[in-house]
Protein backbone atom coordinates (compact mmCIF):
# COMPACT_ATOMS: atom_id res chain seq x y z
CA MET A 1 14.30 11.34 -21.81
CA LYS A 2 12.98 9.87 -18.60
CA PHE A 3 10.42 7.06 -18.59
CA GLY A 4 7.60 9.24 -17.20
CA ASP A 5 8.20 11.99 -19.74
CA LYS A 6 8.17 9.46 -22.55
CA LEU A 7 4.96 7.91 -21.21
CA LYS A 8 3.26 11.31 -20.95
CA ASN A 9 4.31 12.29 -24.48
CA LEU A 10 3.02 9.04 -25.95
CA ARG A 11 -0.26 9.35 -24.02
CA GLN A 12 -0.78 12.91 -25.23
CA GLN A 13 0.06 11.91 -28.82
CA GLN A 14 -2.74 9.35 -28.61
CA GLY A 15 -5.09 12.05 -27.28
CA LEU A 16 -5.70 10.19 -24.04
CA SER A 17 -6.18 11.57 -20.56
CA GLN A 18 -4.52 9.82 -17.63
CA LYS A 19 -7.93 8.45 -16.64
CA GLU A 20 -8.57 7.10 -20.15
CA LEU A 21 -5.16 5.41 -20.22
CA ALA A 22 -5.86 3.91 -16.82
CA LEU A 23 -9.19 2.51 -18.04
CA LYS A 24 -7.59 1.07 -21.21
CA THR A 25 -4.82 -0.65 -19.27
CA GLY A 26 -6.48 -1.60 -15.99
CA ILE A 27 -3.81 0.39 -14.17
CA THR A 28 -4.91 2.92 -11.58
CA THR A 29 -4.94 6.60 -12.48
CA ARG A 30 -2.72 7.21 -9.46
CA SER A 31 -0.11 4.80 -10.86
CA ILE A 32 -0.18 6.59 -14.22
CA GLN A 33 0.31 9.89 -12.38
CA ASN A 34 3.25 8.44 -10.43
CA TYR A 35 4.86 7.05 -13.58
CA GLU A 36 4.48 10.36 -15.44
CA SER A 37 5.93 12.33 -12.54
CA ASN A 38 8.94 9.97 -12.50
CA THR A 39 8.35 9.08 -8.85
CA ARG A 40 7.58 5.40 -9.53
CA TYR A 41 8.20 2.92 -12.30
CA PRO A 42 6.31 -0.20 -13.37
CA LYS A 43 7.57 -3.21 -11.42
CA ASP A 44 6.25 -5.80 -13.82
CA VAL A 45 6.69 -6.47 -17.53
CA SER A 46 2.96 -7.08 -17.87
CA ILE A 47 2.34 -3.44 -16.90
CA LEU A 48 4.78 -2.30 -19.57
CA ASN A 49 3.04 -4.55 -22.08
CA LYS A 50 -0.37 -3.02 -21.22
CA LEU A 51 1.01 0.51 -21.54
CA ALA A 52 2.73 -0.24 -24.84
CA LEU A 53 -0.40 -1.83 -26.29
CA ALA A 54 -2.64 1.06 -25.21
CA LEU A 55 -0.15 3.62 -26.56
CA LYS A 56 0.42 1.74 -29.83
CA THR A 57 4.14 1.39 -29.26
CA ASN A 58 6.51 -1.35 -28.11
CA VAL A 59 7.97 -2.15 -24.71
CA ASN A 60 11.53 -1.45 -25.84
CA LEU A 61 10.66 2.15 -26.66
CA LEU A 62 9.15 2.63 -23.20
CA MET A 63 12.17 1.06 -21.50
CA GLU A 64 14.78 3.14 -23.36
CA SER A 65 15.90 5.36 -20.52
CA GLN A 66 19.07 5.74 -18.54
CA GLU A 67 17.39 5.88 -15.14
CA PHE A 68 14.99 3.03 -15.87
CA CYS A 69 16.43 -0.44 -15.42
CA PRO A 70 14.48 -3.13 -17.29
CA LYS A 71 16.78 -5.74 -15.77
CA ASP A 72 15.13 -5.20 -12.37
CA ILE A 73 11.68 -5.70 -13.85
CA LEU A 74 12.75 -8.75 -15.83
CA LEU A 75 14.36 -10.25 -12.76
CA SER A 76 10.95 -10.42 -11.09
CA GLU A 77 9.57 -12.07 -14.24
CA ILE A 78 12.37 -14.64 -14.21
CA GLN A 79 11.63 -15.44 -10.59
CA ALA A 80 7.97 -15.94 -11.47
CA LEU A 81 8.97 -18.17 -14.37
CA PHE A 82 11.08 -20.35 -12.09
CA ALA A 83 8.13 -20.56 -9.70
CA GLY A 84 6.06 -22.18 -12.44
CA GLY A 85 4.85 -19.16 -14.39
CA GLU A 86 5.13 -18.70 -18.13
CA LEU A 87 6.51 -15.95 -20.36
CA GLY A 88 5.39 -15.07 -23.86
CA ASP A 89 7.85 -15.15 -26.75
CA GLU A 90 8.45 -11.38 -26.64
CA ASP A 91 9.12 -11.50 -22.90
CA LYS A 92 11.41 -14.51 -23.28
CA GLU A 93 13.44 -12.57 -25.84
CA ALA A 94 13.57 -9.55 -23.51
CA VAL A 95 14.76 -11.76 -20.64
CA PHE A 96 17.46 -13.28 -22.82
CA GLN A 97 18.59 -9.83 -23.99
CA ALA A 98 18.65 -8.49 -20.41
CA ILE A 99 20.68 -11.45 -19.17
CA THR A 100 23.12 -11.12 -22.06
CA GLU A 101 23.41 -7.38 -21.47
CA ALA A 102 23.97 -7.88 -17.73
CA TYR A 103 26.67 -10.46 -18.47
CA LEU A 104 28.46 -8.18 -20.93
CA ASP A 105 28.18 -5.19 -18.57
CA ALA A 106 29.65 -7.20 -15.69
CA LYS A 107 32.44 -8.47 -17.91
CA GLU A 108 33.29 -4.94 -19.04
CA LYS A 109 33.22 -3.54 -15.49
CA ASN A 110 35.42 -6.34 -14.19
CA LYS A 111 38.17 -5.86 -16.77
CA LYS A 112 40.03 -3.62 -14.35
CA TYR A 113 40.32 -6.49 -11.84
CA ARG A 114 41.92 -8.98 -14.23
CA LYS A 115 45.55 -9.89 -13.88
CA LYS A 116 47.69 -8.49 -16.65
């Protein structure tokens, strides 16, 4: 299931309109519409955290999608961290998992280039 479809289902399960979700999260209604139509994706972990909190779910459930790459989002968070920002414990764990996953993916993909 795509990210936007998952978001829409969770929102509807909570009985929220797009406008109500926008008010609860501080995200614009237009952004919610874009996410649900699968034309845009959150570019920041803090947005995912707001959505997860408002929808009474966790970030990992929202990010479970083949076309949605949490590594790209976490990369921006890592850059902010190195610039003097701070990450919460949950985000630190997500960053660690994403880095580990990226490492293992790269290692698996590069097996074909190893000398035998």
